[in-house]
Protein backbone atom coordinates (compact mmCIF):
# COMPACT_ATOMS: atom_id res chain seq x y z
CA UNK A 1 179.03 47.67 108.73
CA UNK A 2 180.13 44.03 109.00
CA UNK A 3 178.30 41.93 111.52
CA UNK A 4 180.18 41.01 114.69
CA UNK A 5 181.44 37.40 114.63
CA UNK A 6 179.36 34.90 116.61
CA UNK A 7 180.39 33.96 120.13
CA UNK A 8 181.11 30.32 120.98
CA UNK A 9 181.78 28.35 124.16
CA UNK A 10 183.77 25.62 122.42
CA UNK A 11 187.59 25.98 122.42
CA UNK A 12 187.84 24.26 119.02
CA UNK A 13 185.17 26.52 117.53
CA UNK A 14 186.97 29.51 119.03
CA UNK A 15 190.08 28.54 117.08
CA UNK A 16 188.04 27.97 113.94
CA UNK A 17 186.39 31.37 114.41
CA UNK A 18 189.77 33.09 114.69
CA UNK A 19 190.77 31.41 111.44
CA UNK A 20 187.52 31.97 109.57
CA UNK A 21 186.66 35.55 110.55
CA UNK A 22 189.39 37.25 108.48
CA UNK A 23 188.62 34.98 105.51
CA UNK A 24 184.98 36.12 105.63
CA UNK A 25 186.12 39.72 105.64
CA UNK A 26 188.38 39.03 102.66
CA UNK A 27 185.45 37.51 100.77
CA UNK A 28 183.13 40.40 101.67
CA UNK A 29 180.62 38.30 103.62
CA UNK A 30 179.36 38.30 107.22
CA UNK A 31 179.65 35.18 109.36
CA UNK A 32 176.17 34.58 110.78
CA UNK A 33 176.85 31.40 112.73
CA UNK A 34 179.46 28.73 113.31
CA UNK A 35 178.27 25.45 114.83
CA UNK A 36 178.82 21.72 115.00
CA UNK A 37 175.90 20.18 113.11
CA UNK A 38 174.98 16.46 113.16
CA UNK A 39 177.37 13.91 111.63
CA UNK A 40 180.46 15.89 112.62
CA UNK A 41 179.63 18.70 110.22
CA UNK A 42 181.30 22.05 110.83
CA UNK A 43 178.69 24.44 109.49
CA UNK A 44 179.43 28.06 108.61
CA UNK A 45 176.45 30.24 107.74
CA UNK A 46 177.27 33.41 105.83
CA UNK A 47 175.45 36.32 104.22
CA UNK A 48 176.23 39.33 102.08
CA UNK A 49 174.13 42.38 102.80
CA UNK A 50 172.98 44.62 99.99
CA UNK A 51 173.41 48.37 100.11
CA UNK A 52 169.67 48.94 99.72
CA UNK A 53 166.91 48.50 102.30
CA UNK A 54 165.90 45.00 103.28
CA UNK A 55 162.61 43.80 101.89
CA UNK A 56 159.99 42.12 104.14
CA UNK A 57 159.09 39.94 101.14
CA UNK A 58 162.65 38.57 101.30
CA UNK A 59 163.40 39.58 97.73
CA UNK A 60 166.39 41.79 98.50
CA UNK A 61 168.62 42.71 101.37
CA UNK A 62 170.92 39.73 101.83
CA UNK A 63 172.05 36.59 100.18
CA UNK A 64 175.00 34.69 98.86
CA UNK A 65 175.46 32.60 95.76
CA UNK A 66 176.68 29.04 95.43
CA UNK A 67 179.93 30.50 94.07
CA UNK A 68 180.33 32.59 97.25
CA UNK A 69 179.92 29.46 99.37
CA UNK A 70 182.26 27.41 97.17
CA UNK A 71 185.02 30.02 97.16
CA UNK A 72 184.93 30.55 100.91
CA UNK A 73 184.67 26.79 101.52
CA UNK A 74 187.81 26.25 99.45
CA UNK A 75 189.82 28.83 101.39
CA UNK A 76 188.54 27.71 104.80
CA UNK A 77 189.25 24.09 103.95
CA UNK A 78 192.83 24.93 102.98
CA UNK A 79 193.36 26.94 106.15
CA UNK A 80 191.95 24.20 108.38
CA UNK A 81 194.06 21.56 106.66
CA UNK A 82 197.17 23.70 107.15
CA UNK A 83 196.48 24.23 110.86
CA UNK A 84 195.16 20.68 111.39
CA UNK A 85 193.91 21.19 114.96
CA UNK A 86 190.48 19.52 114.66
CA UNK A 87 190.73 15.86 115.74
CA UNK A 88 189.11 13.10 113.74
CA UNK A 89 187.12 13.22 110.52
CA UNK A 90 184.58 15.96 109.91
CA UNK A 91 182.79 17.72 107.04
CA UNK A 92 182.87 21.42 106.29
CA UNK A 93 179.65 23.04 105.10
CA UNK A 94 179.25 26.68 104.08
CA UNK A 95 175.70 27.90 103.46
CA UNK A 96 173.39 30.91 103.50
CA UNK A 97 170.78 31.48 106.24
CA UNK A 98 167.94 30.85 103.77
CA UNK A 99 164.65 32.68 103.41
CA UNK A 100 163.29 31.29 106.70
CA UNK A 101 166.42 32.07 108.65
CA UNK A 102 166.66 31.76 112.41
CA UNK A 103 166.52 34.96 114.45
CA UNK A 104 169.20 35.03 117.13
CA UNK A 105 169.29 37.82 119.66
CA UNK A 106 167.91 41.33 119.89
CA UNK A 107 169.94 42.65 116.96
CA UNK A 108 168.20 40.28 114.53
CA UNK A 109 164.74 41.29 115.77
CA UNK A 110 165.58 44.98 115.42
CA UNK A 111 166.99 44.33 111.97
CA UNK A 112 163.93 42.46 110.72
CA UNK A 113 161.17 44.82 111.88
CA UNK A 114 158.39 44.58 109.29
CA UNK A 115 159.14 40.95 108.45
CA UNK A 116 156.84 38.00 109.02
CA UNK A 117 158.16 35.67 111.73
CA UNK A 118 157.27 32.67 113.85
CA UNK A 119 158.19 33.04 117.53
CA UNK A 120 158.02 30.38 120.25
CA UNK A 121 157.59 31.51 123.85
CA UNK A 122 158.49 29.96 127.18
CA UNK A 123 155.34 31.36 128.76
CA UNK A 124 152.01 32.40 127.25
CA UNK A 125 151.44 35.78 125.64
CA UNK A 126 148.62 37.93 127.03
CA UNK A 127 146.13 36.13 124.78
CA UNK A 128 147.34 32.70 125.87
CA UNK A 129 149.38 31.80 122.81
CA UNK A 130 152.84 30.25 123.07
CA UNK A 131 153.47 30.34 119.33
CA UNK A 132 153.16 33.70 117.60
CA UNK A 133 153.07 34.02 113.83
CA UNK A 134 152.92 37.56 112.60
CA UNK A 135 154.79 40.71 111.67
CA UNK A 136 157.54 42.04 113.90
CA UNK A 137 156.52 45.58 114.85
CA UNK A 138 159.26 46.63 117.24
CA UNK A 139 161.72 45.67 119.93
CA UNK A 140 161.88 48.37 122.58
CA UNK A 141 163.66 48.84 125.86
CA UNK A 142 167.22 48.29 127.04
CA UNK A 143 169.12 45.09 126.38
CA UNK A 144 168.11 42.39 128.84
CA UNK A 145 164.64 43.82 129.51
CA UNK A 146 163.35 44.52 126.01
CA UNK A 147 159.74 44.02 124.90
CA UNK A 148 158.81 42.46 121.57
CA UNK A 149 155.69 43.68 119.76
CA UNK A 150 154.12 41.75 116.90
CA UNK A 151 150.99 42.04 114.78
CA UNK A 152 149.28 38.65 115.08
CA UNK A 153 145.84 37.86 113.66
CA UNK A 154 145.05 41.57 113.24
CA UNK A 155 145.93 42.45 116.83
CA UNK A 156 149.04 43.80 118.50
CA UNK A 157 150.72 41.55 121.06
CA UNK A 158 153.63 42.54 123.28
CA UNK A 159 155.72 40.02 125.22
CA UNK A 160 158.95 40.21 127.22
CA UNK A 161 161.81 39.41 124.89
CA UNK A 162 163.32 37.07 127.47
CA UNK A 163 160.30 34.77 126.96
CA UNK A 164 161.37 34.05 123.37
CA UNK A 165 162.88 30.57 123.10
CA UNK A 166 163.29 30.37 119.32
CA UNK A 167 162.25 32.29 116.25
CA UNK A 168 162.62 32.34 112.50
CA UNK A 169 161.46 34.37 109.54
CA UNK A 170 158.50 33.04 107.56
CA UNK A 171 158.57 33.31 103.79
CA UNK A 172 155.32 33.82 101.95
CA UNK A 173 155.22 33.92 98.18
CA UNK A 174 154.26 37.46 97.08
CA UNK A 175 150.68 37.52 95.78
CA UNK A 176 151.77 38.74 92.33
CA UNK A 177 154.14 35.80 91.83
CA UNK A 178 152.75 33.02 89.62
CA UNK A 179 154.71 30.20 91.23
CA UNK A 180 157.16 29.38 93.98
CA UNK A 181 160.77 30.43 93.45
CA UNK A 182 162.83 27.75 91.80
CA UNK A 183 165.64 26.31 93.87
CA UNK A 184 168.98 25.80 92.25
CA UNK A 185 170.04 22.22 92.52
CA UNK A 186 171.91 19.24 91.23
CA UNK A 187 172.90 15.77 92.21
CA UNK A 188 173.82 15.38 95.87
CA UNK A 189 173.03 19.01 96.70
CA UNK A 190 171.00 20.62 99.45
CA UNK A 191 171.00 23.66 101.73
CA UNK A 192 170.50 24.02 105.45
CA UNK A 193 168.03 26.88 105.19
CA UNK A 194 166.76 27.16 101.64
CA UNK A 195 169.86 28.96 100.38
CA UNK A 196 172.99 27.91 98.57
CA UNK A 197 175.41 25.62 100.31
CA UNK A 198 178.84 24.16 99.72
CA UNK A 199 179.92 21.10 101.65
CA UNK A 200 183.35 19.55 101.66
CA UNK A 201 184.22 16.57 103.81
CA UNK A 202 187.61 17.53 105.16
CA UNK A 203 190.56 15.21 105.64
CA UNK A 204 191.25 14.28 102.02
CA UNK A 205 187.85 13.71 100.42
CA UNK A 206 185.54 16.14 98.60
CA UNK A 207 181.90 16.51 97.64
CA UNK A 208 179.56 19.40 96.85
CA UNK A 209 175.99 20.12 97.83
CA UNK A 210 173.84 23.22 97.64
CA UNK A 211 170.27 24.37 97.85
């Protein structure tokens, strides 16, 4: 099932979201986030889920290619130019979440049970830690009062989910891999989260960058 579009509190982003959401559906990808990044960069983060189970080693389960980003970037850029409601100059960037993607909200924590994550807390866990690095075991309880359980340093720790201030997955190279995965690249290319990325400065100039 496609992921629900992100919610924004910015009227301009709301209009962009209304424009972008059907394009993502047409391209068969989910829109993970839509934000204003530094340097007036309109950043769309997308993913394409696989039909198989997601792998805690981050080998399968989601991902988009540079071609996916480039094709969506092209169509979004055309649509934004046609509507022309964003004032001033800005850049459009379309990228994947990357292997160490941010975890936003309860749905992401439920989705990534079994994955290694780093979680920052607003108040100490029972053992005094404010930064937990371990495996997500479960997220239980109703929305708004859920409890997060993690396996940290060979012990189980449970904290109120509302104490989580930020979190992201942690990628560790599988022990049977001889070397780190090679990142695709080229001149003037980078990604926002270790995945492919396509960036196009809007308003009549173009460039490309990826992971």
